[in-house]
Amino acid sequence: MADLLSSAPHVLAVSMLAEKTVRSPLLYAWWAFNLIVLAGVVYAVYWSVKKWRAGRGARG
């Protein structure tokens, strides 16, 4: 039974019946916003570590 479900003709038939997903432009805006926030967080961590290392090195 599992062989019938994984056969090439079955996969081809299912792929031909599949509908294309339509994504909203709002979803892309949300992804872009998340990437900008992630970049900001990464930069904040970078800046904090850089400042912490500079302060630590000045004492030594």
C-alpha atoms as a PDB file:
ATOM      1  CA  MET A   1       0.000   0.000   0.000  1.00  0.00           C
ATOM      2  CA  ALA A   2       2.819   2.393   0.820  1.00  0.00           C
ATOM      3  CA  ASP A   3       4.327   1.680  -2.595  1.00  0.00           C
ATOM      4  CA  LEU A   4       1.182   2.943  -4.291  1.00  0.00           C
ATOM      5  CA  LEU A   5       1.266   6.226  -2.397  1.00  0.00           C
ATOM      6  CA  SER A   6       4.910   6.920  -3.171  1.00  0.00           C
ATOM      7  CA  SER A   7       4.803   5.934  -6.834  1.00  0.00           C
ATOM      8  CA  ALA A   8       5.855   8.487  -9.431  1.00  0.00           C
ATOM      9  CA  PRO A   9       2.479   8.710 -11.225  1.00  0.00           C
ATOM     10  CA  HIS A  10       0.720   9.408  -7.929  1.00  0.00           C
ATOM     11  CA  VAL A  11       3.203  12.115  -6.990  1.00  0.00           C
ATOM     12  CA  LEU A  12       2.870  13.664 -10.451  1.00  0.00           C
ATOM     13  CA  ALA A  13      -0.932  13.637 -10.269  1.00  0.00           C
ATOM     14  CA  VAL A  14      -0.964  15.231  -6.819  1.00  0.00           C
ATOM     15  CA  SER A  15       1.520  17.901  -7.857  1.00  0.00           C
ATOM     16  CA  MET A  16      -0.627  18.785 -10.863  1.00  0.00           C
ATOM     17  CA  LEU A  17      -3.670  19.188  -8.613  1.00  0.00           C
ATOM     18  CA  ALA A  18      -1.856  21.362  -6.079  1.00  0.00           C
ATOM     19  CA  GLU A  19      -2.850  25.006  -6.119  1.00  0.00           C
ATOM     20  CA  LYS A  20      -0.300  27.780  -6.014  1.00  0.00           C
ATOM     21  CA  THR A  21      -0.192  29.568  -2.690  1.00  0.00           C
ATOM     22  CA  VAL A  22      -0.975  33.260  -2.962  1.00  0.00           C
ATOM     23  CA  ARG A  23       0.883  35.249  -0.343  1.00  0.00           C
ATOM     24  CA  SER A  24      -0.209  38.655   0.814  1.00  0.00           C
ATOM     25  CA  PRO A  25       2.158  41.620   0.430  1.00  0.00           C
ATOM     26  CA  LEU A  26       1.527  42.196   4.116  1.00  0.00           C
ATOM     27  CA  LEU A  27       3.267  38.896   4.846  1.00  0.00           C
ATOM     28  CA  TYR A  28       6.377  40.076   2.998  1.00  0.00           C
ATOM     29  CA  ALA A  29       6.253  43.357   4.905  1.00  0.00           C
ATOM     30  CA  TRP A  30       6.052  41.363   8.160  1.00  0.00           C
ATOM     31  CA  TRP A  31       9.073  39.271   7.142  1.00  0.00           C
ATOM     32  CA  ALA A  32      11.017  42.417   6.238  1.00  0.00           C
ATOM     33  CA  PHE A  33      10.127  43.989   9.587  1.00  0.00           C
ATOM     34  CA  ASN A  34      11.290  40.857  11.406  1.00  0.00           C
ATOM     35  CA  LEU A  35      14.592  40.894   9.505  1.00  0.00           C
ATOM     36  CA  ILE A  36      15.133  44.559  10.388  1.00  0.00           C
ATOM     37  CA  VAL A  37      14.415  43.862  14.072  1.00  0.00           C
ATOM     38  CA  LEU A  38      16.746  40.845  14.006  1.00  0.00           C
ATOM     39  CA  ALA A  39      19.510  42.938  12.428  1.00  0.00           C
ATOM     40  CA  GLY A  40      18.968  45.580  15.123  1.00  0.00           C
ATOM     41  CA  VAL A  41      19.236  42.997  17.895  1.00  0.00           C
ATOM     42  CA  VAL A  42      22.415  41.537  16.390  1.00  0.00           C
ATOM     43  CA  TYR A  43      23.933  45.007  16.073  1.00  0.00           C
ATOM     44  CA  ALA A  44      22.955  45.871  19.673  1.00  0.00           C
ATOM     45  CA  VAL A  45      24.658  42.709  20.941  1.00  0.00           C
ATOM     46  CA  TYR A  46      27.729  43.469  18.822  1.00  0.00           C
ATOM     47  CA  TRP A  47      27.861  47.052  20.109  1.00  0.00           C
ATOM     48  CA  SER A  48      27.380  45.935  23.733  1.00  0.00           C
ATOM     49  CA  VAL A  49      30.157  43.345  23.541  1.00  0.00           C
ATOM     50  CA  LYS A  50      32.459  45.835  21.840  1.00  0.00           C
ATOM     51  CA  LYS A  51      31.784  48.433  24.550  1.00  0.00           C
ATOM     52  CA  TRP A  52      32.174  45.841  27.312  1.00  0.00           C
ATOM     53  CA  ARG A  53      35.530  44.667  25.910  1.00  0.00           C
ATOM     54  CA  ALA A  54      36.786  48.250  25.529  1.00  0.00           C
ATOM     55  CA  GLY A  55      35.896  49.041  29.149  1.00  0.00           C
ATOM     56  CA  ARG A  56      37.417  45.821  30.380  1.00  0.00           C
ATOM     57  CA  GLY A  57      40.672  46.392  28.503  1.00  0.00           C
ATOM     58  CA  ALA A  58      41.082  49.932  29.856  1.00  0.00           C
ATOM     59  CA  ARG A  59      41.242  48.671  33.444  1.00  0.00           C
ATOM     60  CA  GLY A  60      43.886  46.048  32.710  1.00  0.00           C
END
